[in-house]
Amino acid sequence: MTHTPAFDLDRIADPSFVSENRLPAHSDHRWFADADEARSGVSSFEQSLNGLWKFHCAKNQSQVIAGFEHPDVDVSGWDDIPVPSHLQLQGYDRPQYVNVGYAWDGLEDIEPGQVPTRDNPIGCYVRTFALQTPLAPGERLSVSFDGAESAIALWVNGRYIGYGTDSFTPNEFDLTDALVEGENRIAAQVFTYSSGSWLEDQDFFRFSGIFRDVTLYRRAAVHAEDIRVTTTVADDLASAEVVLCVALAGAEGDVTARLEGVGDLAARGDGSFALQVENARLWSPEDPHLYDLVIEVTDAEERCSRSSRSVSVSVASASRTGCSRSTAPAWCSTASTGTSSD
C-alpha cells in the first residue's frame, strides 16, 4: 500500500479516479478468536466507530476548512452528527427527489468529467478512537465504511489514507502504518457529488453522508481473507456437494472447515475442501434453511482464529461469498456452475 502526501480535491471529478489505497473486495465473513466467542456472536476482532462524530458541512469545495484533518486543528466547536445517518436528515442541505435527469440540472451546466462547484455539499467528519485490543505482532488494522455517498476521502492522525467511490459498496482501508499509541484521530470528507454521480442516477431520493456502519477490523497475523462456497445438487436432489476455497493472508497457516450438524470438509489436491451432504435440506422461499460453515485457521504456534458464514444449498444456484460474479479468484481452481445466490 502506498501513501500520497495529500489528497487532490479536484480529482473527485475524474471518472478514472475510482479509488486510491482501497483494499480489494472480499467476502463478508467474520473472524472470532475461539469457539466461545463465535457462539456469543461478539467478535474481539471488531470495534464499532458508530456514534457521534464532530461534523462540519461545507456548501462546496471552496468552502472546505483547509487542514481540518490535522490533529492540532480544534473541532470542539463543530456540530455533533450521528453515524450512520444521512446529513440531509440531520438538518443539513435538503432531501431531493429526481426520477428524470440529474440532480444538478437547471442549477449548473456541467458535462461528464465535471461535478457541481457551486452546490456540492461536503461533510467533514472527525472523531478519535483508542484500540480496545492492541495489535499483536503481525496483526493489521483496517476500517470499513459500509456506505458513504457518493465518495469518501480518509485521513488518520493527519496522514492521508485513501479515497473511494461506489456509494453502496464498502470502502475499506488499511490504517496500520498511520496508528499511534493511545488515542488516534480519524477524519473523513464525504462528497455529495463525484464522478460516480453520473452513473448513480436512479429513481430515488438524493442523500449523502456516512449512512452505514463504520467498523475497525483487527486482522490476525494469519487469517482467512476471502472465502468462496459453491454447492452442486445431484440431479435426483438426494445429495449435494459443498466446495470451499479459502484465501489466507499474512503468515503461513493451516485450514480446517466444518459444516455444522453435517461433518468436516476434506482437503482436495487443488487446495479446496469438499463435503458430500446426503439428504440435504434444500433452500427454498418456503423453507429458507441455512447451514453454518465454520473455518478454523491455525498458525505455526497453534494459535487459532475462526471464521463463520451461513450458506444455502439450493437447486441450480451457487451459494458463494466474496468473489467476482463473473470469474473465479486465482487462488481457487475449482470449476463451478450456476449463478450467485446473493
Foldseek 3Di string as FASTA:
>chain_A
DDFDFDDDPLCLLAPVCAKDQFDDFFFPWDKAQDDVRVVVVHHLQKDFPWFKWFKDKDQFDVRDDPLCQAPVDDRVVGDIDTPPDFVQVVVPDHKDFDADDAPCPPPDDDDRSDDDGRGKMKMKTKDKDARPDDADPQKWKKKKLQFFPAKKWKDKNSTTFMIHGDGRHITMHTCRVVDDHDMMMMMMMGIQDGSCSVVVDHRDMRTGGSNDIMMMGMGPQKDFGHKWWWKAADPVNFKIKIKMATDMDHADKDKWKAFPPAGTWDADPLRMTMDMGGRDDAADPVRRDWIKMKMWIADPVRRIMIIIDTFGHHHQATETTTADQPDGDPSDPDDHGHGYPD
